[in-house]
Structures are given as C-alpha cells and as structure tokens.
Full PDB file with SEQRES, HELIX, SHEET, SSBOND, CRYST1, ORIGX, SCALE, CONECT and MASTER records, all heavy atoms in Angstrom:
SEQRES   1 A   37  PHE ALA MET LEU GLU ARG ARG GLU SER PHE SER ASN PHE          
SEQRES   2 A   37  GLU TYR VAL ALA ARG SER LYS ALA GLY ALA PRO VAL HIS          
SEQRES   3 A   37  LEU SER VAL SER GLY GLN PRO VAL PHE GLY THR                  
HELIX    1 AA1 ALA A    2  GLU A    5  1                                   4    
SHEET    1 AA1 2 PHE A  10  ARG A  18  0                                        
SHEET    2 AA1 2 PRO A  24  GLY A  31 -1                                        
CRYST1    1.000    1.000    1.000  90.00  90.00  90.00 P 1           1          
ORIGX1      1.000000  0.000000  0.000000        0.00000                         
ORIGX2      0.000000  1.000000  0.000000        0.00000                         
ORIGX3      0.000000  0.000000  1.000000        0.00000                         
SCALE1      1.000000  0.000000  0.000000        0.00000                         
SCALE2      0.000000  1.000000  0.000000        0.00000                         
SCALE3      0.000000  0.000000  1.000000        0.00000                         
ATOM      1  N   PHE A   1     -50.332  13.083  51.249  1.00  0.00           N  
ATOM      2  CA  PHE A   1     -51.560  13.082  52.044  1.00  0.00           C  
ATOM      3  C   PHE A   1     -52.574  12.065  51.514  1.00  0.00           C  
ATOM      4  O   PHE A   1     -53.315  11.472  52.288  1.00  0.00           O  
ATOM      5  CB  PHE A   1     -52.175  14.486  52.099  1.00  0.00           C  
ATOM      6  CG  PHE A   1     -51.474  15.398  53.068  1.00  0.00           C  
ATOM      7  CD1 PHE A   1     -51.026  16.640  52.663  1.00  0.00           C  
ATOM      8  CD2 PHE A   1     -51.247  15.008  54.371  1.00  0.00           C  
ATOM      9  CE1 PHE A   1     -50.381  17.487  53.557  1.00  0.00           C  
ATOM     10  CE2 PHE A   1     -50.599  15.846  55.272  1.00  0.00           C  
ATOM     11  CZ  PHE A   1     -50.157  17.079  54.858  1.00  0.00           C  
ATOM     12  N   ALA A   2     -52.584  11.842  50.209  1.00  0.00           N  
ATOM     13  CA  ALA A   2     -53.474  10.817  49.648  1.00  0.00           C  
ATOM     14  C   ALA A   2     -53.071   9.437  50.157  1.00  0.00           C  
ATOM     15  O   ALA A   2     -53.934   8.610  50.482  1.00  0.00           O  
ATOM     16  CB  ALA A   2     -53.424  10.864  48.124  1.00  0.00           C  
ATOM     17  N   MET A   3     -51.755   9.185  50.246  1.00  0.00           N  
ATOM     18  CA  MET A   3     -51.287   7.905  50.797  1.00  0.00           C  
ATOM     19  C   MET A   3     -51.710   7.759  52.254  1.00  0.00           C  
ATOM     20  O   MET A   3     -52.131   6.686  52.692  1.00  0.00           O  
ATOM     21  CB  MET A   3     -49.767   7.803  50.682  1.00  0.00           C  
ATOM     22  CG  MET A   3     -49.254   7.641  49.278  1.00  0.00           C  
ATOM     23  SD  MET A   3     -47.457   7.542  49.232  1.00  0.00           S  
ATOM     24  CE  MET A   3     -47.209   5.917  49.950  1.00  0.00           C  
ATOM     25  N   LEU A   4     -51.579   8.844  53.021  1.00  0.00           N  
ATOM     26  CA  LEU A   4     -51.980   8.792  54.430  1.00  0.00           C  
ATOM     27  C   LEU A   4     -53.472   8.516  54.565  1.00  0.00           C  
ATOM     28  O   LEU A   4     -53.890   7.728  55.421  1.00  0.00           O  
ATOM     29  CB  LEU A   4     -51.611  10.097  55.133  1.00  0.00           C  
ATOM     30  CG  LEU A   4     -50.129  10.421  55.278  1.00  0.00           C  
ATOM     31  CD1 LEU A   4     -49.951  11.758  55.979  1.00  0.00           C  
ATOM     32  CD2 LEU A   4     -49.392   9.324  56.019  1.00  0.00           C  
ATOM     33  N   GLU A   5     -54.267   9.177  53.749  1.00  0.00           N  
ATOM     34  CA  GLU A   5     -55.716   8.955  53.802  1.00  0.00           C  
ATOM     35  C   GLU A   5     -56.078   7.520  53.458  1.00  0.00           C  
ATOM     36  O   GLU A   5     -57.026   6.968  54.001  1.00  0.00           O  
ATOM     37  CB  GLU A   5     -56.437   9.933  52.860  1.00  0.00           C  
ATOM     38  CG  GLU A   5     -56.445  11.368  53.355  1.00  0.00           C  
ATOM     39  CD  GLU A   5     -57.154  11.547  54.688  1.00  0.00           C  
ATOM     40  OE1 GLU A   5     -58.161  10.842  54.945  1.00  0.00           O  
ATOM     41  OE2 GLU A   5     -56.707  12.380  55.489  1.00  0.00           O  
ATOM     42  N   ARG A   6     -55.297   6.905  52.543  1.00  0.00           N  
ATOM     43  CA  ARG A   6     -55.548   5.510  52.177  1.00  0.00           C  
ATOM     44  C   ARG A   6     -54.915   4.549  53.184  1.00  0.00           C  
ATOM     45  O   ARG A   6     -55.023   3.339  53.040  1.00  0.00           O  
ATOM     46  CB  ARG A   6     -54.992   5.241  50.774  1.00  0.00           C  
ATOM     47  CG  ARG A   6     -55.718   5.958  49.664  1.00  0.00           C  
ATOM     48  CD  ARG A   6     -55.298   5.469  48.289  1.00  0.00           C  
ATOM     49  NE  ARG A   6     -53.866   5.553  48.050  1.00  0.00           N  
ATOM     50  CZ  ARG A   6     -53.233   6.584  47.453  1.00  0.00           C  
ATOM     51  NH1 ARG A   6     -53.936   7.631  47.052  1.00  0.00           N  
ATOM     52  NH2 ARG A   6     -51.936   6.552  47.261  1.00  0.00           N  
ATOM     53  N   ARG A   7     -54.248   5.093  54.178  1.00  0.00           N  
ATOM     54  CA  ARG A   7     -53.574   4.306  55.221  1.00  0.00           C  
ATOM     55  C   ARG A   7     -52.542   3.361  54.616  1.00  0.00           C  
ATOM     56  O   ARG A   7     -52.460   2.187  54.963  1.00  0.00           O  
ATOM     57  CB  ARG A   7     -54.567   3.522  56.080  1.00  0.00           C  
ATOM     58  CG  ARG A   7     -55.666   4.348  56.742  1.00  0.00           C  
ATOM     59  CD  ARG A   7     -55.078   5.425  57.632  1.00  0.00           C  
ATOM     60  NE  ARG A   7     -56.044   5.984  58.557  1.00  0.00           N  
ATOM     61  CZ  ARG A   7     -56.459   7.245  58.527  1.00  0.00           C  
ATOM     62  NH1 ARG A   7     -56.029   8.049  57.594  1.00  0.00           N  
ATOM     63  NH2 ARG A   7     -57.293   7.690  59.429  1.00  0.00           N  
ATOM     64  N   GLU A   8     -51.720   3.907  53.718  1.00  0.00           N  
ATOM     65  CA  GLU A   8     -50.663   3.134  53.084  1.00  0.00           C  
ATOM     66  C   GLU A   8     -49.321   3.420  53.750  1.00  0.00           C  
ATOM     67  O   GLU A   8     -49.089   4.513  54.261  1.00  0.00           O  
ATOM     68  CB  GLU A   8     -50.561   3.488  51.592  1.00  0.00           C  
ATOM     69  CG  GLU A   8     -51.783   3.106  50.795  1.00  0.00           C  
ATOM     70  CD  GLU A   8     -51.679   3.547  49.347  1.00  0.00           C  
ATOM     71  OE1 GLU A   8     -50.682   4.198  48.983  1.00  0.00           O  
ATOM     72  OE2 GLU A   8     -52.611   3.252  48.582  1.00  0.00           O  
ATOM     73  N   SER A   9     -48.429   2.445  53.701  1.00  0.00           N  
ATOM     74  CA  SER A   9     -47.072   2.646  54.194  1.00  0.00           C  
ATOM     75  C   SER A   9     -46.334   3.592  53.254  1.00  0.00           C  
ATOM     76  O   SER A   9     -46.647   3.692  52.073  1.00  0.00           O  
ATOM     77  CB  SER A   9     -46.324   1.309  54.241  1.00  0.00           C  
ATOM     78  OG  SER A   9     -46.961   0.426  55.123  1.00  0.00           O  
ATOM     79  N   PHE A  10     -45.335   4.299  53.803  1.00  0.00           N  
ATOM     80  CA  PHE A  10     -44.492   5.160  52.974  1.00  0.00           C  
ATOM     81  C   PHE A  10     -43.070   5.104  53.522  1.00  0.00           C  
ATOM     82  O   PHE A  10     -42.849   4.796  54.693  1.00  0.00           O  
ATOM     83  CB  PHE A  10     -45.022   6.598  52.924  1.00  0.00           C  
ATOM     84  CG  PHE A  10     -45.083   7.272  54.260  1.00  0.00           C  
ATOM     85  CD1 PHE A  10     -44.015   8.039  54.729  1.00  0.00           C  
ATOM     86  CD2 PHE A  10     -46.204   7.145  55.069  1.00  0.00           C  
ATOM     87  CE1 PHE A  10     -44.074   8.662  55.967  1.00  0.00           C  
ATOM     88  CE2 PHE A  10     -46.265   7.767  56.312  1.00  0.00           C  
ATOM     89  CZ  PHE A  10     -45.194   8.520  56.763  1.00  0.00           C  
ATOM     90  N   SER A  11     -42.109   5.390  52.639  1.00  0.00           N  
ATOM     91  CA  SER A  11     -40.699   5.326  53.035  1.00  0.00           C  
ATOM     92  C   SER A  11     -39.948   6.537  52.509  1.00  0.00           C  
ATOM     93  O   SER A  11     -40.167   6.976  51.372  1.00  0.00           O  
ATOM     94  CB  SER A  11     -40.031   4.071  52.464  1.00  0.00           C  
ATOM     95  OG  SER A  11     -40.596   2.916  53.019  1.00  0.00           O  
ATOM     96  N   ASN A  12     -39.069   7.067  53.343  1.00  0.00           N  
ATOM     97  CA  ASN A  12     -38.129   8.123  52.966  1.00  0.00           C  
ATOM     98  C   ASN A  12     -38.796   9.330  52.314  1.00  0.00           C  
ATOM     99  O   ASN A  12     -38.314   9.859  51.320  1.00  0.00           O  
ATOM    100  CB  ASN A  12     -37.037   7.557  52.057  1.00  0.00           C  
ATOM    101  CG  ASN A  12     -36.298   6.426  52.732  1.00  0.00           C  
ATOM    102  OD1 ASN A  12     -35.944   6.511  53.901  1.00  0.00           O  
ATOM    103  ND2 ASN A  12     -36.077   5.341  52.004  1.00  0.00           N  
ATOM    104  N   PHE A  13     -39.919   9.742  52.895  1.00  0.00           N  
ATOM    105  CA  PHE A  13     -40.563  10.969  52.431  1.00  0.00           C  
ATOM    106  C   PHE A  13     -39.790  12.146  53.020  1.00  0.00           C  
ATOM    107  O   PHE A  13     -39.636  12.252  54.232  1.00  0.00           O  
ATOM    108  CB  PHE A  13     -42.032  11.011  52.863  1.00  0.00           C  
ATOM    109  CG  PHE A  13     -42.738  12.262  52.443  1.00  0.00           C  
ATOM    110  CD1 PHE A  13     -43.128  12.436  51.122  1.00  0.00           C  
ATOM    111  CD2 PHE A  13     -42.999  13.266  53.356  1.00  0.00           C  
ATOM    112  CE1 PHE A  13     -43.774  13.593  50.724  1.00  0.00           C  
ATOM    113  CE2 PHE A  13     -43.650  14.422  52.964  1.00  0.00           C  
ATOM    114  CZ  PHE A  13     -44.037  14.592  51.640  1.00  0.00           C  
ATOM    115  N   GLU A  14     -39.287  13.015  52.150  1.00  0.00           N  
ATOM    116  CA  GLU A  14     -38.426  14.108  52.599  1.00  0.00           C  
ATOM    117  C   GLU A  14     -39.170  15.438  52.584  1.00  0.00           C  
ATOM    118  O   GLU A  14     -39.911  15.737  51.640  1.00  0.00           O  
ATOM    119  CB  GLU A  14     -37.184  14.197  51.703  1.00  0.00           C  
ATOM    120  CG  GLU A  14     -36.311  12.971  51.803  1.00  0.00           C  
ATOM    121  CD  GLU A  14     -35.063  13.075  50.949  1.00  0.00           C  
ATOM    122  OE1 GLU A  14     -34.827  14.142  50.333  1.00  0.00           O  
ATOM    123  OE2 GLU A  14     -34.314  12.081  50.910  1.00  0.00           O  
ATOM    124  N   TYR A  15     -38.959  16.196  53.638  1.00  0.00           N  
ATOM    125  CA  TYR A  15     -39.514  17.542  53.689  1.00  0.00           C  
ATOM    126  C   TYR A  15     -38.685  18.390  54.645  1.00  0.00           C  
ATOM    127  O   TYR A  15     -37.826  17.889  55.372  1.00  0.00           O  
ATOM    128  CB  TYR A  15     -40.995  17.532  54.075  1.00  0.00           C  
ATOM    129  CG  TYR A  15     -41.316  17.134  55.492  1.00  0.00           C  
ATOM    130  CD1 TYR A  15     -41.523  18.090  56.481  1.00  0.00           C  
ATOM    131  CD2 TYR A  15     -41.453  15.785  55.840  1.00  0.00           C  
ATOM    132  CE1 TYR A  15     -41.840  17.719  57.774  1.00  0.00           C  
ATOM    133  CE2 TYR A  15     -41.782  15.411  57.125  1.00  0.00           C  
ATOM    134  CZ  TYR A  15     -41.972  16.385  58.094  1.00  0.00           C  
ATOM    135  OH  TYR A  15     -42.291  16.010  59.372  1.00  0.00           O  
ATOM    136  N   VAL A  16     -38.949  19.686  54.625  1.00  0.00           N  
ATOM    137  CA  VAL A  16     -38.220  20.611  55.483  1.00  0.00           C  
ATOM    138  C   VAL A  16     -39.155  21.081  56.584  1.00  0.00           C  
ATOM    139  O   VAL A  16     -40.180  21.716  56.325  1.00  0.00           O  
ATOM    140  CB  VAL A  16     -37.671  21.826  54.699  1.00  0.00           C  
ATOM    141  CG1 VAL A  16     -36.841  22.719  55.631  1.00  0.00           C  
ATOM    142  CG2 VAL A  16     -36.849  21.363  53.511  1.00  0.00           C  
ATOM    143  N   ALA A  17     -38.801  20.719  57.798  1.00  0.00           N  
ATOM    144  CA  ALA A  17     -39.555  21.158  58.965  1.00  0.00           C  
ATOM    145  C   ALA A  17     -38.909  22.423  59.504  1.00  0.00           C  
ATOM    146  O   ALA A  17     -37.887  22.901  58.994  1.00  0.00           O  
ATOM    147  CB  ALA A  17     -39.557  20.061  60.020  1.00  0.00           C  
ATOM    148  N   ARG A  18     -39.504  22.951  60.539  1.00  0.00           N  
ATOM    149  CA  ARG A  18     -38.914  24.122  61.193  1.00  0.00           C  
ATOM    150  C   ARG A  18     -38.659  23.783  62.648  1.00  0.00           C  
ATOM    151  O   ARG A  18     -39.453  23.095  63.296  1.00  0.00           O  
ATOM    152  CB  ARG A  18     -39.841  25.326  61.084  1.00  0.00           C  
ATOM    153  CG  ARG A  18     -41.173  25.118  61.783  1.00  0.00           C  
ATOM    154  CD  ARG A  18     -42.137  26.273  61.522  1.00  0.00           C  
ATOM    155  NE  ARG A  18     -43.462  25.936  62.021  1.00  0.00           N  
ATOM    156  CZ  ARG A  18     -43.932  26.352  63.201  1.00  0.00           C  
ATOM    157  NH1 ARG A  18     -43.226  27.128  63.975  1.00  0.00           N  
ATOM    158  NH2 ARG A  18     -45.146  25.997  63.581  1.00  0.00           N  
ATOM    159  N   SER A  19     -37.551  24.249  63.153  1.00  0.00           N  
ATOM    160  CA  SER A  19     -37.279  24.097  64.579  1.00  0.00           C  
ATOM    161  C   SER A  19     -38.125  25.108  65.333  1.00  0.00           C  
ATOM    162  O   SER A  19     -38.746  25.990  64.732  1.00  0.00           O  
ATOM    163  CB  SER A  19     -35.798  24.331  64.874  1.00  0.00           C  
ATOM    164  OG  SER A  19     -35.499  25.704  64.718  1.00  0.00           O  
ATOM    165  N   LYS A  20     -38.142  25.005  66.636  1.00  0.00           N  
ATOM    166  CA  LYS A  20     -38.908  25.963  67.431  1.00  0.00           C  
ATOM    167  C   LYS A  20     -38.367  27.371  67.229  1.00  0.00           C  
ATOM    168  O   LYS A  20     -39.100  28.350  67.269  1.00  0.00           O  
ATOM    169  CB  LYS A  20     -38.869  25.575  68.904  1.00  0.00           C  
ATOM    170  CG  LYS A  20     -39.859  26.352  69.755  1.00  0.00           C  
ATOM    171  CD  LYS A  20     -40.045  25.736  71.113  1.00  0.00           C  
ATOM    172  CE  LYS A  20     -41.146  26.455  71.874  1.00  0.00           C  
ATOM    173  NZ  LYS A  20     -41.459  25.804  73.140  1.00  0.00           N  
ATOM    174  N   ALA A  21     -37.063  27.465  66.950  1.00  0.00           N  
ATOM    175  CA  ALA A  21     -36.440  28.768  66.705  1.00  0.00           C  
ATOM    176  C   ALA A  21     -36.666  29.249  65.275  1.00  0.00           C  
ATOM    177  O   ALA A  21     -36.286  30.373  64.936  1.00  0.00           O  
ATOM    178  CB  ALA A  21     -34.944  28.679  66.990  1.00  0.00           C  
ATOM    179  N   GLY A  22     -37.266  28.399  64.430  1.00  0.00           N  
ATOM    180  CA  GLY A  22     -37.568  28.791  63.063  1.00  0.00           C  
ATOM    181  C   GLY A  22     -36.558  28.336  62.030  1.00  0.00           C  
ATOM    182  O   GLY A  22     -36.731  28.585  60.840  1.00  0.00           O  
ATOM    183  N   ALA A  23     -35.504  27.663  62.445  1.00  0.00           N  
ATOM    184  CA  ALA A  23     -34.481  27.194  61.503  1.00  0.00           C  
ATOM    185  C   ALA A  23     -34.989  25.984  60.733  1.00  0.00           C  
ATOM    186  O   ALA A  23     -35.754  25.181  61.256  1.00  0.00           O  
ATOM    187  CB  ALA A  23     -33.205  26.834  62.263  1.00  0.00           C  
ATOM    188  N   PRO A  24     -34.547  25.816  59.471  1.00  0.00           N  
ATOM    189  CA  PRO A  24     -34.958  24.634  58.710  1.00  0.00           C  
ATOM    190  C   PRO A  24     -34.323  23.358  59.255  1.00  0.00           C  
ATOM    191  O   PRO A  24     -33.163  23.348  59.645  1.00  0.00           O  
ATOM    192  CB  PRO A  24     -34.475  24.934  57.289  1.00  0.00           C  
ATOM    193  CG  PRO A  24     -33.493  26.028  57.399  1.00  0.00           C  
ATOM    194  CD  PRO A  24     -33.729  26.734  58.688  1.00  0.00           C  
ATOM    195  N   VAL A  25     -35.118  22.277  59.286  1.00  0.00           N  
ATOM    196  CA  VAL A  25     -34.651  20.962  59.700  1.00  0.00           C  
ATOM    197  C   VAL A  25     -35.086  19.996  58.610  1.00  0.00           C  
ATOM    198  O   VAL A  25     -36.275  19.796  58.379  1.00  0.00           O  
ATOM    199  CB  VAL A  25     -35.256  20.533  61.056  1.00  0.00           C  
ATOM    200  CG1 VAL A  25     -34.771  19.145  61.442  1.00  0.00           C  
ATOM    201  CG2 VAL A  25     -34.943  21.539  62.143  1.00  0.00           C  
ATOM    202  N   HIS A  26     -34.114  19.416  57.888  1.00  0.00           N  
ATOM    203  CA  HIS A  26     -34.417  18.502  56.783  1.00  0.00           C  
ATOM    204  C   HIS A  26     -34.684  17.107  57.345  1.00  0.00           C  
ATOM    205  O   HIS A  26     -33.843  16.549  58.036  1.00  0.00           O  
ATOM    206  CB  HIS A  26     -33.259  18.485  55.783  1.00  0.00           C  
ATOM    207  CG  HIS A  26     -33.069  19.801  55.109  1.00  0.00           C  
ATOM    208  ND1 HIS A  26     -33.640  20.088  53.896  1.00  0.00           N  
ATOM    209  CD2 HIS A  26     -32.401  20.913  55.503  1.00  0.00           C  
ATOM    210  CE1 HIS A  26     -33.324  21.320  53.557  1.00  0.00           C  
ATOM    211  NE2 HIS A  26     -32.567  21.844  54.512  1.00  0.00           N  
ATOM    212  N   LEU A  27     -35.862  16.558  57.030  1.00  0.00           N  
ATOM    213  CA  LEU A  27     -36.274  15.265  57.558  1.00  0.00           C  
ATOM    214  C   LEU A  27     -36.576  14.288  56.439  1.00  0.00           C  
ATOM    215  O   LEU A  27     -37.053  14.676  55.375  1.00  0.00           O  
ATOM    216  CB  LEU A  27     -37.529  15.414  58.426  1.00  0.00           C  
ATOM    217  CG  LEU A  27     -37.438  16.298  59.659  1.00  0.00           C  
ATOM    218  CD1 LEU A  27     -38.804  16.396  60.328  1.00  0.00           C  
ATOM    219  CD2 LEU A  27     -36.411  15.768  60.632  1.00  0.00           C  
ATOM    220  N   SER A  28     -36.308  13.036  56.701  1.00  0.00           N  
ATOM    221  CA  SER A  28     -36.743  11.933  55.860  1.00  0.00           C  
ATOM    222  C   SER A  28     -37.507  10.991  56.773  1.00  0.00           C  
ATOM    223  O   SER A  28     -36.958  10.489  57.755  1.00  0.00           O  
ATOM    224  CB  SER A  28     -35.538  11.219  55.240  1.00  0.00           C  
ATOM    225  OG  SER A  28     -35.959  10.073  54.535  1.00  0.00           O  
ATOM    226  N   VAL A  29     -38.808  10.777  56.482  1.00  0.00           N  
ATOM    227  CA  VAL A  29     -39.649   9.990  57.377  1.00  0.00           C  
ATOM    228  C   VAL A  29     -40.225   8.780  56.671  1.00  0.00           C  
ATOM    229  O   VAL A  29     -40.439   8.786  55.456  1.00  0.00           O  
ATOM    230  CB  VAL A  29     -40.796  10.836  57.992  1.00  0.00           C  
ATOM    231  CG1 VAL A  29     -40.249  11.962  58.833  1.00  0.00           C  
ATOM    232  CG2 VAL A  29     -41.705  11.373  56.915  1.00  0.00           C  
ATOM    233  N   SER A  30     -40.438   7.738  57.450  1.00  0.00           N  
ATOM    234  CA  SER A  30     -41.088   6.521  56.974  1.00  0.00           C  
ATOM    235  C   SER A  30     -42.150   6.142  57.981  1.00  0.00           C  
ATOM    236  O   SER A  30     -41.998   6.424  59.174  1.00  0.00           O  
ATOM    237  CB  SER A  30     -40.069   5.380  56.830  1.00  0.00           C  
ATOM    238  OG  SER A  30     -39.044   5.729  55.929  1.00  0.00           O  
ATOM    239  N   GLY A  31     -43.207   5.498  57.506  1.00  0.00           N  
ATOM    240  CA  GLY A  31     -44.262   5.112  58.434  1.00  0.00           C  
ATOM    241  C   GLY A  31     -45.127   4.011  57.868  1.00  0.00           C  
ATOM    242  O   GLY A  31     -45.128   3.745  56.666  1.00  0.00           O  
ATOM    243  N   GLN A  32     -45.848   3.363  58.756  1.00  0.00           N  
ATOM    244  CA  GLN A  32     -46.807   2.354  58.322  1.00  0.00           C  
ATOM    245  C   GLN A  32     -48.009   2.404  59.238  1.00  0.00           C  
ATOM    246  O   GLN A  32     -47.901   2.700  60.424  1.00  0.00           O  
ATOM    247  CB  GLN A  32     -46.193   0.980  58.301  1.00  0.00           C  
ATOM    248  CG  GLN A  32     -45.955   0.352  59.652  1.00  0.00           C  
ATOM    249  CD  GLN A  32     -45.425  -1.063  59.503  1.00  0.00           C  
ATOM    250  OE1 GLN A  32     -44.495  -1.303  58.760  1.00  0.00           O  
ATOM    251  NE2 GLN A  32     -46.026  -1.985  60.210  1.00  0.00           N  
ATOM    252  N   PRO A  33     -49.202   2.138  58.666  1.00  0.00           N  
ATOM    253  CA  PRO A  33     -50.413   2.174  59.487  1.00  0.00           C  
ATOM    254  C   PRO A  33     -50.528   0.940  60.373  1.00  0.00           C  
ATOM    255  O   PRO A  33     -50.044  -0.121  60.034  1.00  0.00           O  
ATOM    256  CB  PRO A  33     -51.532   2.215  58.436  1.00  0.00           C  
ATOM    257  CG  PRO A  33     -50.954   1.501  57.262  1.00  0.00           C  
ATOM    258  CD  PRO A  33     -49.484   1.828  57.269  1.00  0.00           C  
ATOM    259  N   VAL A  34     -51.167   1.123  61.501  1.00  0.00           N  
ATOM    260  CA  VAL A  34     -51.493   0.018  62.408  1.00  0.00           C  
ATOM    261  C   VAL A  34     -53.003   0.028  62.572  1.00  0.00           C  
ATOM    262  O   VAL A  34     -53.591   1.044  62.925  1.00  0.00           O  
ATOM    263  CB  VAL A  34     -50.790   0.199  63.787  1.00  0.00           C  
ATOM    264  CG1 VAL A  34     -51.191  -0.908  64.730  1.00  0.00           C  
ATOM    265  CG2 VAL A  34     -49.281   0.267  63.614  1.00  0.00           C  
ATOM    266  N   PHE A  35     -53.628  -1.106  62.284  1.00  0.00           N  
ATOM    267  CA  PHE A  35     -55.097  -1.180  62.285  1.00  0.00           C  
ATOM    268  C   PHE A  35     -55.593  -1.892  63.540  1.00  0.00           C  
ATOM    269  O   PHE A  35     -55.001  -2.860  63.999  1.00  0.00           O  
ATOM    270  CB  PHE A  35     -55.578  -1.945  61.061  1.00  0.00           C  
ATOM    271  CG  PHE A  35     -55.233  -1.258  59.763  1.00  0.00           C  
ATOM    272  CD1 PHE A  35     -54.100  -1.629  59.052  1.00  0.00           C  
ATOM    273  CD2 PHE A  35     -56.022  -0.230  59.280  1.00  0.00           C  
ATOM    274  CE1 PHE A  35     -53.770  -1.003  57.863  1.00  0.00           C  
ATOM    275  CE2 PHE A  35     -55.695   0.410  58.093  1.00  0.00           C  
ATOM    276  CZ  PHE A  35     -54.574   0.026  57.378  1.00  0.00           C  
ATOM    277  N   GLY A  36     -56.694  -1.393  64.080  1.00  0.00           N  
ATOM    278  CA  GLY A  36     -57.366  -2.046  65.191  1.00  0.00           C  
ATOM    279  C   GLY A  36     -58.176  -3.231  64.688  1.00  0.00           C  
ATOM    280  O   GLY A  36     -58.305  -3.462  63.485  1.00  0.00           O  
ATOM    281  N   THR A  37     -58.754  -3.962  65.628  1.00  0.00           N  
ATOM    282  CA  THR A  37     -59.540  -5.133  65.265  1.00  0.00           C  
ATOM    283  C   THR A  37     -60.781  -4.757  64.445  1.00  0.00           C  
ATOM    284  O   THR A  37     -61.307  -5.575  63.686  1.00  0.00           O  
ATOM    285  CB  THR A  37     -59.999  -5.907  66.509  1.00  0.00           C  
ATOM    286  OG1 THR A  37     -60.702  -5.015  67.368  1.00  0.00           O  
ATOM    287  CG2 THR A  37     -58.795  -6.488  67.243  1.00  0.00           C  
TER     288      THR A  37                                                      
MASTER        0    0    0    1    2    0    0    6  287    1    0    3          
END                                                                             
C-alpha cells in the first residue's frame, strides 16, 4: 500500500483473493501508474 500511495510500479505481488463463492483464488498482480498532464 505504501508503494501504491507513492504511485510506484510493482511486479508479481502475490495474494489470496476470494471468489464470489468464497473459495481462495491465488493471484499474482503487476501494475504501473499512469499520470495525467
């Protein structure tokens, strides 16, 4: 969350989400910020 607040890119952040039925879903996410003018 500190990286997100600083608007930094991140790669392969892993966590366990939940499906709508409540089952665990293992995710690996990457992202980068996009800045306006």
